[in-house]
């Protein structure tokens, strides 16, 4: 794919399309359903994959992370949970780390 195509479809997996959508759907839920208490406990413990709370990740954020990684020819991307987390991540990345340790 060329850069412009990656920018639009880089995080989209049409194999995971539930309703025949041709672009990434926006999931606006905050929490997710568990099959039972054991399923929820396993996901919270990290023993089972799945989404548990949107600030910790959801399908839309995963598509953003995958798109960013695709654009940079990387392995994984990072989608911070809030705007302030994004700003802090940028500052910590580009500023001298010794500034924050004093």
PDB file of N, CA and C in Angstrom:
ATOM      1  N   UNK A   1       0.832  -1.190   0.000  1.00  0.00           N
ATOM      2  CA  UNK A   1       0.000   0.000   0.000  1.00  0.00           C
ATOM      3  C   UNK A   1       0.876   1.253   0.000  1.00  0.00           C
ATOM      4  N   UNK A   2       0.416   2.260  -0.659  1.00  0.00           N
ATOM      5  CA  UNK A   2       1.096   3.553  -0.623  1.00  0.00           C
ATOM      6  C   UNK A   2       0.748   4.261   0.685  1.00  0.00           C
ATOM      7  N   UNK A   3       1.507   5.321   1.019  1.00  0.00           N
ATOM      8  CA  UNK A   3       1.347   6.029   2.292  1.00  0.00           C
ATOM      9  C   UNK A   3      -0.093   6.511   2.497  1.00  0.00           C
ATOM     10  N   UNK A   4      -0.693   7.139   1.475  1.00  0.00           N
ATOM     11  CA  UNK A   4      -2.053   7.675   1.619  1.00  0.00           C
ATOM     12  C   UNK A   4      -3.061   6.560   1.906  1.00  0.00           C
ATOM     13  N   UNK A   5      -2.887   5.414   1.257  1.00  0.00           N
ATOM     14  CA  UNK A   5      -3.780   4.284   1.499  1.00  0.00           C
ATOM     15  C   UNK A   5      -3.580   3.743   2.905  1.00  0.00           C
ATOM     16  N   UNK A   6      -2.323   3.651   3.343  1.00  0.00           N
ATOM     17  CA  UNK A   6      -2.037   3.201   4.719  1.00  0.00           C
ATOM     18  C   UNK A   6      -2.654   4.151   5.734  1.00  0.00           C
ATOM     19  N   UNK A   7      -2.609   5.458   5.453  1.00  0.00           N
ATOM     20  CA  UNK A   7      -3.141   6.455   6.385  1.00  0.00           C
ATOM     21  C   UNK A   7      -4.643   6.276   6.586  1.00  0.00           C
ATOM     22  N   UNK A   8      -5.331   5.808   5.558  1.00  0.00           N
ATOM     23  CA  UNK A   8      -6.782   5.629   5.646  1.00  0.00           C
ATOM     24  C   UNK A   8      -7.152   4.235   6.145  1.00  0.00           C
ATOM     25  N   UNK A   9      -6.488   3.220   5.616  1.00  0.00           N
ATOM     26  CA  UNK A   9      -6.884   1.840   5.902  1.00  0.00           C
ATOM     27  C   UNK A   9      -5.860   1.044   6.698  1.00  0.00           C
ATOM     28  N   UNK A  10      -4.817   1.679   7.181  1.00  0.00           N
ATOM     29  CA  UNK A  10      -3.739   0.973   7.862  1.00  0.00           C
ATOM     30  C   UNK A  10      -4.160   0.166   9.074  1.00  0.00           C
ATOM     31  N   UNK A  11      -5.146   0.607   9.813  1.00  0.00           N
ATOM     32  CA  UNK A  11      -5.577  -0.121  10.997  1.00  0.00           C
ATOM     33  C   UNK A  11      -6.836  -0.912  10.805  1.00  0.00           C
ATOM     34  N   UNK A  12      -7.311  -0.979   9.570  1.00  0.00           N
ATOM     35  CA  UNK A  12      -8.586  -1.653   9.294  1.00  0.00           C
ATOM     36  C   UNK A  12      -8.356  -3.084   8.880  1.00  0.00           C
ATOM     37  N   UNK A  13      -9.042  -3.996   9.531  1.00  0.00           N
ATOM     38  CA  UNK A  13      -8.959  -5.417   9.208  1.00  0.00           C
ATOM     39  C   UNK A  13     -10.337  -5.852   8.735  1.00  0.00           C
ATOM     40  N   UNK A  14     -10.525  -5.951   7.422  1.00  0.00           N
ATOM     41  CA  UNK A  14     -11.846  -6.297   6.908  1.00  0.00           C
ATOM     42  C   UNK A  14     -12.262  -7.721   7.262  1.00  0.00           C
ATOM     43  N   UNK A  15     -11.311  -8.553   7.653  1.00  0.00           N
ATOM     44  CA  UNK A  15     -11.655  -9.910   8.082  1.00  0.00           C
ATOM     45  C   UNK A  15     -12.437  -9.876   9.392  1.00  0.00           C
ATOM     46  N   UNK A  16     -12.228  -8.827  10.193  1.00  0.00           N
ATOM     47  CA  UNK A  16     -12.934  -8.692  11.464  1.00  0.00           C
ATOM     48  C   UNK A  16     -14.209  -7.885  11.358  1.00  0.00           C
ATOM     49  N   UNK A  17     -14.602  -7.529  10.136  1.00  0.00           N
ATOM     50  CA  UNK A  17     -15.801  -6.729   9.904  1.00  0.00           C
ATOM     51  C   UNK A  17     -17.041  -7.509  10.330  1.00  0.00           C
ATOM     52  N   UNK A  18     -17.835  -6.910  11.223  1.00  0.00           N
ATOM     53  CA  UNK A  18     -19.036  -7.587  11.706  1.00  0.00           C
ATOM     54  C   UNK A  18     -20.248  -7.341  10.821  1.00  0.00           C
ATOM     55  N   UNK A  19     -20.332  -6.145  10.252  1.00  0.00           N
ATOM     56  CA  UNK A  19     -21.539  -5.760   9.541  1.00  0.00           C
ATOM     57  C   UNK A  19     -21.271  -5.336   8.102  1.00  0.00           C
ATOM     58  N   UNK A  20     -20.090  -5.660   7.562  1.00  0.00           N
ATOM     59  CA  UNK A  20     -19.747  -5.303   6.206  1.00  0.00           C
ATOM     60  C   UNK A  20     -19.231  -3.880   6.064  1.00  0.00           C
ATOM     61  N   UNK A  21     -18.836  -3.266   7.176  1.00  0.00           N
ATOM     62  CA  UNK A  21     -18.310  -1.897   7.113  1.00  0.00           C
ATOM     63  C   UNK A  21     -17.008  -1.878   6.329  1.00  0.00           C
ATOM     64  N   UNK A  22     -16.729  -0.745   5.674  1.00  0.00           N
ATOM     65  CA  UNK A  22     -15.525  -0.619   4.864  1.00  0.00           C
ATOM     66  C   UNK A  22     -14.529   0.367   5.473  1.00  0.00           C
ATOM     67  N   UNK A  23     -14.796   0.824   6.670  1.00  0.00           N
ATOM     68  CA  UNK A  23     -13.853   1.671   7.407  1.00  0.00           C
ATOM     69  C   UNK A  23     -13.965   1.313   8.883  1.00  0.00           C
ATOM     70  N   UNK A  24     -13.025   1.814   9.656  1.00  0.00           N
ATOM     71  CA  UNK A  24     -12.981   1.484  11.083  1.00  0.00           C
ATOM     72  C   UNK A  24     -14.181   2.088  11.810  1.00  0.00           C
ATOM     73  N   UNK A  25     -14.988   1.277  12.470  1.00  0.00           N
ATOM     74  CA  UNK A  25     -16.087   1.829  13.260  1.00  0.00           C
ATOM     75  C   UNK A  25     -15.568   2.496  14.528  1.00  0.00           C
ATOM     76  N   UNK A  26     -16.307   3.456  15.029  1.00  0.00           N
ATOM     77  CA  UNK A  26     -15.941   4.135  16.272  1.00  0.00           C
ATOM     78  C   UNK A  26     -16.740   3.505  17.409  1.00  0.00           C
ATOM     79  N   UNK A  27     -16.031   2.857  18.314  1.00  0.00           N
ATOM     80  CA  UNK A  27     -16.674   2.235  19.469  1.00  0.00           C
ATOM     81  C   UNK A  27     -16.677   3.243  20.612  1.00  0.00           C
ATOM     82  N   UNK A  28     -17.859   3.666  21.038  1.00  0.00           N
ATOM     83  CA  UNK A  28     -17.971   4.683  22.072  1.00  0.00           C
ATOM     84  C   UNK A  28     -18.385   4.105  23.418  1.00  0.00           C
ATOM     85  N   UNK A  29     -18.185   2.837  23.611  1.00  0.00           N
ATOM     86  CA  UNK A  29     -18.521   2.207  24.882  1.00  0.00           C
ATOM     87  C   UNK A  29     -17.386   2.401  25.881  1.00  0.00           C
ATOM     88  N   UNK A  30     -17.725   2.355  27.155  1.00  0.00           N
ATOM     89  CA  UNK A  30     -16.677   2.484  28.172  1.00  0.00           C
ATOM     90  C   UNK A  30     -16.311   1.125  28.764  1.00  0.00           C
ATOM     91  N   UNK A  31     -17.264   0.224  28.806  1.00  0.00           N
ATOM     92  CA  UNK A  31     -17.021  -1.092  29.400  1.00  0.00           C
ATOM     93  C   UNK A  31     -17.477  -2.182  28.432  1.00  0.00           C
ATOM     94  N   UNK A  32     -17.058  -3.412  28.713  1.00  0.00           N
ATOM     95  CA  UNK A  32     -17.346  -4.520  27.818  1.00  0.00           C
ATOM     96  C   UNK A  32     -17.986  -5.670  28.580  1.00  0.00           C
ATOM     97  N   UNK A  33     -18.748  -6.466  27.871  1.00  0.00           N
ATOM     98  CA  UNK A  33     -19.467  -7.605  28.435  1.00  0.00           C
ATOM     99  C   UNK A  33     -18.535  -8.796  28.605  1.00  0.00           C
ATOM    100  N   UNK A  34     -18.664  -9.486  29.720  1.00  0.00           N
ATOM    101  CA  UNK A  34     -17.921 -10.721  29.971  1.00  0.00           C
ATOM    102  C   UNK A  34     -18.901 -11.881  29.932  1.00  0.00           C
ATOM    103  N   UNK A  35     -18.436 -13.021  29.443  1.00  0.00           N
ATOM    104  CA  UNK A  35     -19.293 -14.203  29.357  1.00  0.00           C
ATOM    105  C   UNK A  35     -19.750 -14.621  30.752  1.00  0.00           C
ATOM    106  N   UNK A  36     -18.829 -14.575  31.708  1.00  0.00           N
ATOM    107  CA  UNK A  36     -19.134 -14.900  33.099  1.00  0.00           C
ATOM    108  C   UNK A  36     -18.044 -14.272  33.973  1.00  0.00           C
ATOM    109  N   UNK A  37     -18.121 -14.478  35.273  1.00  0.00           N
ATOM    110  CA  UNK A  37     -17.149 -13.887  36.193  1.00  0.00           C
ATOM    111  C   UNK A  37     -15.733 -14.403  35.950  1.00  0.00           C
ATOM    112  N   UNK A  38     -15.598 -15.675  35.614  1.00  0.00           N
ATOM    113  CA  UNK A  38     -14.275 -16.243  35.335  1.00  0.00           C
ATOM    114  C   UNK A  38     -13.645 -15.606  34.099  1.00  0.00           C
ATOM    115  N   UNK A  39     -14.467 -15.342  33.090  1.00  0.00           N
ATOM    116  CA  UNK A  39     -13.988 -14.672  31.874  1.00  0.00           C
ATOM    117  C   UNK A  39     -13.472 -13.274  32.215  1.00  0.00           C
ATOM    118  N   UNK A  40     -14.247 -12.528  33.007  1.00  0.00           N
ATOM    119  CA  UNK A  40     -13.824 -11.191  33.424  1.00  0.00           C
ATOM    120  C   UNK A  40     -12.550 -11.230  34.251  1.00  0.00           C
ATOM    121  N   UNK A  41     -12.476 -12.166  35.178  1.00  0.00           N
ATOM    122  CA  UNK A  41     -11.285 -12.280  36.032  1.00  0.00           C
ATOM    123  C   UNK A  41     -10.046 -12.611  35.204  1.00  0.00           C
ATOM    124  N   UNK A  42     -10.187 -13.490  34.222  1.00  0.00           N
ATOM    125  CA  UNK A  42      -9.054 -13.878  33.379  1.00  0.00           C
ATOM    126  C   UNK A  42      -8.577 -12.691  32.528  1.00  0.00           C
ATOM    127  N   UNK A  43      -9.517 -11.886  32.027  1.00  0.00           N
ATOM    128  CA  UNK A  43      -9.134 -10.719  31.225  1.00  0.00           C
ATOM    129  C   UNK A  43      -8.470  -9.655  32.095  1.00  0.00           C
ATOM    130  N   UNK A  44      -8.991  -9.417  33.285  1.00  0.00           N
ATOM    131  CA  UNK A  44      -8.378  -8.439  34.186  1.00  0.00           C
ATOM    132  C   UNK A  44      -6.994  -8.895  34.639  1.00  0.00           C
ATOM    133  N   UNK A  45      -6.782 -10.186  34.776  1.00  0.00           N
ATOM    134  CA  UNK A  45      -5.487 -10.718  35.201  1.00  0.00           C
ATOM    135  C   UNK A  45      -4.492 -10.805  34.044  1.00  0.00           C
ATOM    136  N   UNK A  46      -4.967 -10.562  32.816  1.00  0.00           N
ATOM    137  CA  UNK A  46      -4.090 -10.636  31.653  1.00  0.00           C
ATOM    138  C   UNK A  46      -3.858 -12.049  31.156  1.00  0.00           C
ATOM    139  N   UNK A  47      -4.628 -12.993  31.661  1.00  0.00           N
ATOM    140  CA  UNK A  47      -4.480 -14.387  31.244  1.00  0.00           C
ATOM    141  C   UNK A  47      -5.255 -14.692  29.969  1.00  0.00           C
ATOM    142  N   UNK A  48      -6.201 -13.807  29.646  1.00  0.00           N
ATOM    143  CA  UNK A  48      -7.025 -13.983  28.458  1.00  0.00           C
ATOM    144  C   UNK A  48      -7.111 -12.650  27.732  1.00  0.00           C
ATOM    145  N   UNK A  49      -7.009 -12.688  26.406  1.00  0.00           N
ATOM    146  CA  UNK A  49      -7.085 -11.454  25.631  1.00  0.00           C
ATOM    147  C   UNK A  49      -8.526 -10.978  25.539  1.00  0.00           C
ATOM    148  N   UNK A  50      -8.666  -9.675  25.492  1.00  0.00           N
ATOM    149  CA  UNK A  50      -9.987  -9.082  25.336  1.00  0.00           C
ATOM    150  C   UNK A  50     -10.010  -7.691  25.943  1.00  0.00           C
ATOM    151  N   UNK A  51     -11.022  -6.950  25.616  1.00  0.00           N
ATOM    152  CA  UNK A  51     -11.145  -5.587  26.120  1.00  0.00           C
ATOM    153  C   UNK A  51     -11.950  -5.590  27.414  1.00  0.00           C
ATOM    154  N   UNK A  52     -11.535  -4.729  28.363  1.00  0.00           N
ATOM    155  CA  UNK A  52     -12.224  -4.674  29.650  1.00  0.00           C
ATOM    156  C   UNK A  52     -12.718  -3.275  29.985  1.00  0.00           C
ATOM    157  N   UNK A  53     -11.975  -2.247  29.557  1.00  0.00           N
ATOM    158  CA  UNK A  53     -12.341  -0.868  29.854  1.00  0.00           C
ATOM    159  C   UNK A  53     -11.687   0.010  28.806  1.00  0.00           C
ATOM    160  N   UNK A  54     -12.437   0.935  28.227  1.00  0.00           N
ATOM    161  CA  UNK A  54     -11.960   1.705  27.083  1.00  0.00           C
ATOM    162  C   UNK A  54     -10.679   2.481  27.343  1.00  0.00           C
ATOM    163  N   UNK A  55     -10.464   3.006  28.533  1.00  0.00           N
ATOM    164  CA  UNK A  55      -9.221   3.735  28.786  1.00  0.00           C
ATOM    165  C   UNK A  55      -8.005   2.819  28.738  1.00  0.00           C
ATOM    166  N   UNK A  56      -8.244   1.534  28.798  1.00  0.00           N
ATOM    167  CA  UNK A  56      -7.161   0.561  28.689  1.00  0.00           C
ATOM    168  C   UNK A  56      -7.091  -0.007  27.274  1.00  0.00           C
ATOM    169  N   UNK A  57      -8.012   0.391  26.413  1.00  0.00           N
ATOM    170  CA  UNK A  57      -8.005  -0.037  25.023  1.00  0.00           C
ATOM    171  C   UNK A  57      -9.372  -0.485  24.541  1.00  0.00           C
ATOM    172  N   UNK A  58      -9.615  -0.266  23.254  1.00  0.00           N
ATOM    173  CA  UNK A  58     -10.800  -0.794  22.593  1.00  0.00           C
ATOM    174  C   UNK A  58     -10.477  -0.993  21.116  1.00  0.00           C
ATOM    175  N   UNK A  59     -11.442  -1.438  20.340  1.00  0.00           N
ATOM    176  CA  UNK A  59     -11.201  -1.764  18.944  1.00  0.00           C
ATOM    177  C   UNK A  59     -10.783  -0.532  18.136  1.00  0.00           C
ATOM    178  N   UNK A  60     -11.362   0.627  18.416  1.00  0.00           N
ATOM    179  CA  UNK A  60     -11.034   1.847  17.686  1.00  0.00           C
ATOM    180  C   UNK A  60      -9.607   2.288  17.998  1.00  0.00           C
ATOM    181  N   UNK A  61      -9.226   2.242  19.260  1.00  0.00           N
ATOM    182  CA  UNK A  61      -7.863   2.612  19.658  1.00  0.00           C
ATOM    183  C   UNK A  61      -6.857   1.630  19.055  1.00  0.00           C
ATOM    184  N   UNK A  62      -7.192   0.351  19.044  1.00  0.00           N
ATOM    185  CA  UNK A  62      -6.310  -0.660  18.444  1.00  0.00           C
ATOM    186  C   UNK A  62      -6.095  -0.373  16.962  1.00  0.00           C
ATOM    187  N   UNK A  63      -7.158   0.035  16.251  1.00  0.00           N
ATOM    188  CA  UNK A  63      -7.020   0.372  14.832  1.00  0.00           C
ATOM    189  C   UNK A  63      -6.111   1.586  14.654  1.00  0.00           C
ATOM    190  N   UNK A  64      -6.220   2.578  15.531  1.00  0.00           N
ATOM    191  CA  UNK A  64      -5.339   3.752  15.493  1.00  0.00           C
ATOM    192  C   UNK A  64      -3.886   3.338  15.715  1.00  0.00           C
ATOM    193  N   UNK A  65      -3.650   2.494  16.717  1.00  0.00           N
ATOM    194  CA  UNK A  65      -2.293   2.017  17.006  1.00  0.00           C
ATOM    195  C   UNK A  65      -1.716   1.239  15.821  1.00  0.00           C
ATOM    196  N   UNK A  66      -2.546   0.375  15.226  1.00  0.00           N
ATOM    197  CA  UNK A  66      -2.089  -0.414  14.072  1.00  0.00           C
ATOM    198  C   UNK A  66      -1.795   0.482  12.874  1.00  0.00           C
ATOM    199  N   UNK A  67      -2.616   1.518  12.676  1.00  0.00           N
ATOM    200  CA  UNK A  67      -2.404   2.441  11.568  1.00  0.00           C
ATOM    201  C   UNK A  67      -1.092   3.206  11.759  1.00  0.00           C
ATOM    202  N   UNK A  68      -0.852   3.704  12.959  1.00  0.00           N
ATOM    203  CA  UNK A  68       0.392   4.419  13.249  1.00  0.00           C
ATOM    204  C   UNK A  68       1.605   3.540  13.035  1.00  0.00           C
ATOM    205  N   UNK A  69       1.528   2.303  13.483  1.00  0.00           N
ATOM    206  CA  UNK A  69       2.637   1.366  13.295  1.00  0.00           C
ATOM    207  C   UNK A  69       2.850   1.083  11.814  1.00  0.00           C
ATOM    208  N   UNK A  70       1.779   0.958  11.067  1.00  0.00           N
ATOM    209  CA  UNK A  70       1.874   0.717   9.635  1.00  0.00           C
ATOM    210  C   UNK A  70       2.530   1.896   8.918  1.00  0.00           C
ATOM    211  N   UNK A  71       2.149   3.115   9.281  1.00  0.00           N
ATOM    212  CA  UNK A  71       2.718   4.298   8.647  1.00  0.00           C
ATOM    213  C   UNK A  71       4.211   4.441   8.927  1.00  0.00           C
ATOM    214  N   UNK A  72       4.634   3.993  10.096  1.00  0.00           N
ATOM    215  CA  UNK A  72       6.039   4.094  10.483  1.00  0.00           C
ATOM    216  C   UNK A  72       6.821   2.814  10.195  1.00  0.00           C
ATOM    217  N   UNK A  73       6.158   1.846   9.546  1.00  0.00           N
ATOM    218  CA  UNK A  73       6.746   0.533   9.291  1.00  0.00           C
ATOM    219  C   UNK A  73       7.242  -0.100  10.584  1.00  0.00           C
ATOM    220  N   UNK A  74       6.438   0.066  11.632  1.00  0.00           N
ATOM    221  CA  UNK A  74       6.797  -0.452  12.943  1.00  0.00           C
ATOM    222  C   UNK A  74       6.040  -1.712  13.292  1.00  0.00           C
ATOM    223  N   UNK A  75       6.300  -2.192  14.490  1.00  0.00           N
ATOM    224  CA  UNK A  75       5.688  -3.428  14.965  1.00  0.00           C
ATOM    225  C   UNK A  75       4.408  -3.157  15.751  1.00  0.00           C
ATOM    226  N   UNK A  76       4.448  -2.178  16.644  1.00  0.00           N
ATOM    227  CA  UNK A  76       3.306  -1.834  17.489  1.00  0.00           C
ATOM    228  C   UNK A  76       3.185  -0.319  17.591  1.00  0.00           C
ATOM    229  N   UNK A  77       1.996   0.150  17.882  1.00  0.00           N
ATOM    230  CA  UNK A  77       1.761   1.568  18.113  1.00  0.00           C
ATOM    231  C   UNK A  77       1.254   1.779  19.527  1.00  0.00           C
ATOM    232  N   UNK A  78       1.179   3.025  19.934  1.00  0.00           N
ATOM    233  CA  UNK A  78       0.692   3.364  21.276  1.00  0.00           C
ATOM    234  C   UNK A  78      -0.361   4.443  21.152  1.00  0.00           C
ATOM    235  N   UNK A  79      -1.536   4.183  21.658  1.00  0.00           N
ATOM    236  CA  UNK A  79      -2.621   5.155  21.681  1.00  0.00           C
ATOM    237  C   UNK A  79      -2.924   5.526  23.120  1.00  0.00           C
ATOM    238  N   UNK A  80      -2.404   6.649  23.605  1.00  0.00           N
ATOM    239  CA  UNK A  80      -2.660   7.048  24.998  1.00  0.00           C
ATOM    240  C   UNK A  80      -4.149   7.214  25.297  1.00  0.00           C
ATOM    241  N   UNK A  81      -4.512   7.108  26.561  1.00  0.00           N
ATOM    242  CA  UNK A  81      -5.913   7.104  26.972  1.00  0.00           C
ATOM    243  C   UNK A  81      -6.553   8.487  27.005  1.00  0.00           C
ATOM    244  N   UNK A  82      -5.770   9.541  26.961  1.00  0.00           N
ATOM    245  CA  UNK A  82      -6.343  10.884  27.024  1.00  0.00           C
ATOM    246  C   UNK A  82      -5.426  11.876  26.315  1.00  0.00           C
ATOM    247  N   UNK A  83      -5.928  13.062  26.090  1.00  0.00           N
ATOM    248  CA  UNK A  83      -5.116  14.105  25.481  1.00  0.00           C
ATOM    249  C   UNK A  83      -3.927  14.480  26.341  1.00  0.00           C
ATOM    250  N   UNK A  84      -4.126  14.529  27.647  1.00  0.00           N
ATOM    251  CA  UNK A  84      -3.026  14.883  28.548  1.00  0.00           C
ATOM    252  C   UNK A  84      -1.955  13.800  28.553  1.00  0.00           C
ATOM    253  N   UNK A  85      -2.375  12.538  28.453  1.00  0.00           N
ATOM    254  CA  UNK A  85      -1.400  11.449  28.362  1.00  0.00           C
ATOM    255  C   UNK A  85      -0.607  11.558  27.065  1.00  0.00           C
ATOM    256  N   UNK A  86      -1.251  11.994  25.996  1.00  0.00           N
ATOM    257  CA  UNK A  86      -0.566  12.190  24.725  1.00  0.00           C
ATOM    258  C   UNK A  86       0.488  13.280  24.842  1.00  0.00           C
ATOM    259  N   UNK A  87       0.099  14.408  25.432  1.00  0.00           N
ATOM    260  CA  UNK A  87       1.029  15.530  25.605  1.00  0.00           C
ATOM    261  C   UNK A  87       2.210  15.109  26.472  1.00  0.00           C
ATOM    262  N   UNK A  88       1.944  14.432  27.566  1.00  0.00           N
ATOM    263  CA  UNK A  88       3.007  13.974  28.462  1.00  0.00           C
ATOM    264  C   UNK A  88       3.943  13.002  27.747  1.00  0.00           C
ATOM    265  N   UNK A  89       3.384  12.081  26.957  1.00  0.00           N
ATOM    266  CA  UNK A  89       4.204  11.137  26.210  1.00  0.00           C
ATOM    267  C   UNK A  89       5.133  11.863  25.243  1.00  0.00           C
ATOM    268  N   UNK A  90       4.607  12.869  24.553  1.00  0.00           N
ATOM    269  CA  UNK A  90       5.436  13.640  23.629  1.00  0.00           C
ATOM    270  C   UNK A  90       6.542  14.382  24.368  1.00  0.00           C
ATOM    271  N   UNK A  91       6.204  15.034  25.480  1.00  0.00           N
ATOM    272  CA  UNK A  91       7.224  15.750  26.253  1.00  0.00           C
ATOM    273  C   UNK A  91       8.304  14.797  26.751  1.00  0.00           C
ATOM    274  N   UNK A  92       7.896  13.670  27.292  1.00  0.00           N
ATOM    275  CA  UNK A  92       8.860  12.709  27.823  1.00  0.00           C
ATOM    276  C   UNK A  92       9.733  12.117  26.716  1.00  0.00           C
ATOM    277  N   UNK A  93       9.195  12.036  25.510  1.00  0.00           N
ATOM    278  CA  UNK A  93       9.944  11.489  24.388  1.00  0.00           C
ATOM    279  C   UNK A  93      10.991  12.464  23.870  1.00  0.00           C
ATOM    280  N   UNK A  94      10.599  13.730  23.718  1.00  0.00           N
ATOM    281  CA  UNK A  94      11.464  14.670  23.028  1.00  0.00           C
ATOM    282  C   UNK A  94      12.288  15.587  23.933  1.00  0.00           C
ATOM    283  N   UNK A  95      11.940  15.695  25.191  1.00  0.00           N
ATOM    284  CA  UNK A  95      12.729  16.513  26.096  1.00  0.00           C
ATOM    285  C   UNK A  95      13.786  15.669  26.795  1.00  0.00           C
ATOM    286  N   UNK A  96      14.795  16.302  27.275  1.00  0.00           N
ATOM    287  CA  UNK A  96      15.869  15.618  27.985  1.00  0.00           C
ATOM    288  C   UNK A  96      15.309  14.985  29.259  1.00  0.00           C
ATOM    289  N   UNK A  97      15.488  13.685  29.434  1.00  0.00           N
ATOM    290  CA  UNK A  97      14.950  12.972  30.590  1.00  0.00           C
ATOM    291  C   UNK A  97      15.502  13.478  31.906  1.00  0.00           C
ATOM    292  N   UNK A  98      16.699  14.018  31.924  1.00  0.00           N
ATOM    293  CA  UNK A  98      17.283  14.515  33.175  1.00  0.00           C
ATOM    294  C   UNK A  98      16.472  15.678  33.731  1.00  0.00           C
ATOM    295  N   UNK A  99      15.778  16.400  32.875  1.00  0.00           N
ATOM    296  CA  UNK A  99      14.929  17.509  33.317  1.00  0.00           C
ATOM    297  C   UNK A  99      13.849  17.017  34.277  1.00  0.00           C
ATOM    298  N   UNK A 100      13.305  15.827  34.016  1.00  0.00           N
ATOM    299  CA  UNK A 100      12.217  15.291  34.820  1.00  0.00           C
ATOM    300  C   UNK A 100      12.692  14.564  36.071  1.00  0.00           C
ATOM    301  N   UNK A 101      13.948  14.244  36.112  1.00  0.00           N
ATOM    302  CA  UNK A 101      14.477  13.484  37.252  1.00  0.00           C
ATOM    303  C   UNK A 101      15.007  14.372  38.366  1.00  0.00           C
ATOM    304  N   UNK A 102      15.124  15.666  38.111  1.00  0.00           N
ATOM    305  CA  UNK A 102      15.701  16.576  39.134  1.00  0.00           C
ATOM    306  C   UNK A 102      14.674  16.932  40.175  1.00  0.00           C
TER     307      UNK A 102
END
